[in-house]
Amino acid sequence: SDLKVTLIDAQQAQVSFTQNYRATQFKSLDRKTLVWAMRDGRWQIVEETTGK
């Protein structure tokens, strides 16, 4: 697994990984980066970027 978690601060984390997506007529291999933030006592995704 190439999952990488980086704490930005006590309330935010950045998570990067490779996503291998396959459907009936589509497939892609992309690098995903998610920014998670603690809001109202729970972690939520606040940003998502995709690149090759």
Protein backbone atom coordinates (compact mmCIF):
# COMPACT_ATOMS: atom_id res chain seq x y z
CA SER A 1 0.00 0.00 0.00
CA ASP A 2 1.20 3.50 -0.76
CA LEU A 3 -1.05 5.25 1.75
CA LYS A 4 0.65 8.30 3.27
CA VAL A 5 -0.89 10.29 6.13
CA THR A 6 0.56 13.67 7.07
CA LEU A 7 -0.73 15.66 10.02
CA ILE A 8 -1.10 19.31 9.05
CA ASP A 9 -2.04 20.28 12.60
CA ALA A 10 -4.18 18.88 15.43
CA GLN A 11 -7.36 19.46 13.42
CA GLN A 12 -6.26 18.54 9.86
CA ALA A 13 -4.58 15.67 8.05
CA GLN A 14 -3.58 15.05 4.44
CA VAL A 15 -3.96 11.55 3.01
CA SER A 16 -2.40 10.51 -0.33
CA PHE A 17 -2.76 7.20 -2.17
CA THR A 18 -3.04 5.61 -5.61
CA GLN A 19 -6.59 4.75 -6.66
CA ASN A 20 -7.08 1.95 -9.19
CA TYR A 21 -10.66 2.37 -10.43
CA ARG A 22 -12.39 -0.08 -12.78
CA ALA A 23 -15.92 -0.10 -14.14
CA THR A 24 -17.56 -1.82 -17.11
CA GLN A 25 -16.43 0.71 -19.71
CA PHE A 26 -13.93 2.83 -17.80
CA LYS A 27 -10.73 2.41 -15.84
CA SER A 28 -8.19 4.80 -14.38
CA LEU A 29 -5.09 4.80 -12.23
CA ASP A 30 -4.83 8.13 -10.39
CA ARG A 31 -3.05 9.73 -7.47
CA LYS A 32 -5.57 10.99 -4.91
CA THR A 33 -5.00 13.49 -2.14
CA LEU A 34 -7.62 14.11 0.52
CA VAL A 35 -7.57 16.76 3.21
CA TRP A 36 -9.49 15.74 6.32
CA ALA A 37 -10.56 18.19 9.04
CA MET A 38 -12.04 17.67 12.48
CA ARG A 39 -15.44 19.39 12.49
CA ASP A 40 -18.08 19.09 15.18
CA GLY A 41 -16.19 16.21 16.78
CA ARG A 42 -15.78 14.08 13.66
CA TRP A 43 -13.38 13.80 10.73
CA GLN A 44 -14.69 15.04 7.38
CA ILE A 45 -13.15 15.32 3.91
CA VAL A 46 -12.84 19.03 3.07
CA GLU A 47 -10.75 18.79 -0.10
CA GLU A 48 -10.04 16.17 -2.76
CA THR A 49 -7.60 16.43 -5.66
CA THR A 50 -6.78 13.91 -8.38
CA GLY A 51 -3.73 13.69 -10.60
CA LYS A 52 -1.94 11.16 -12.76
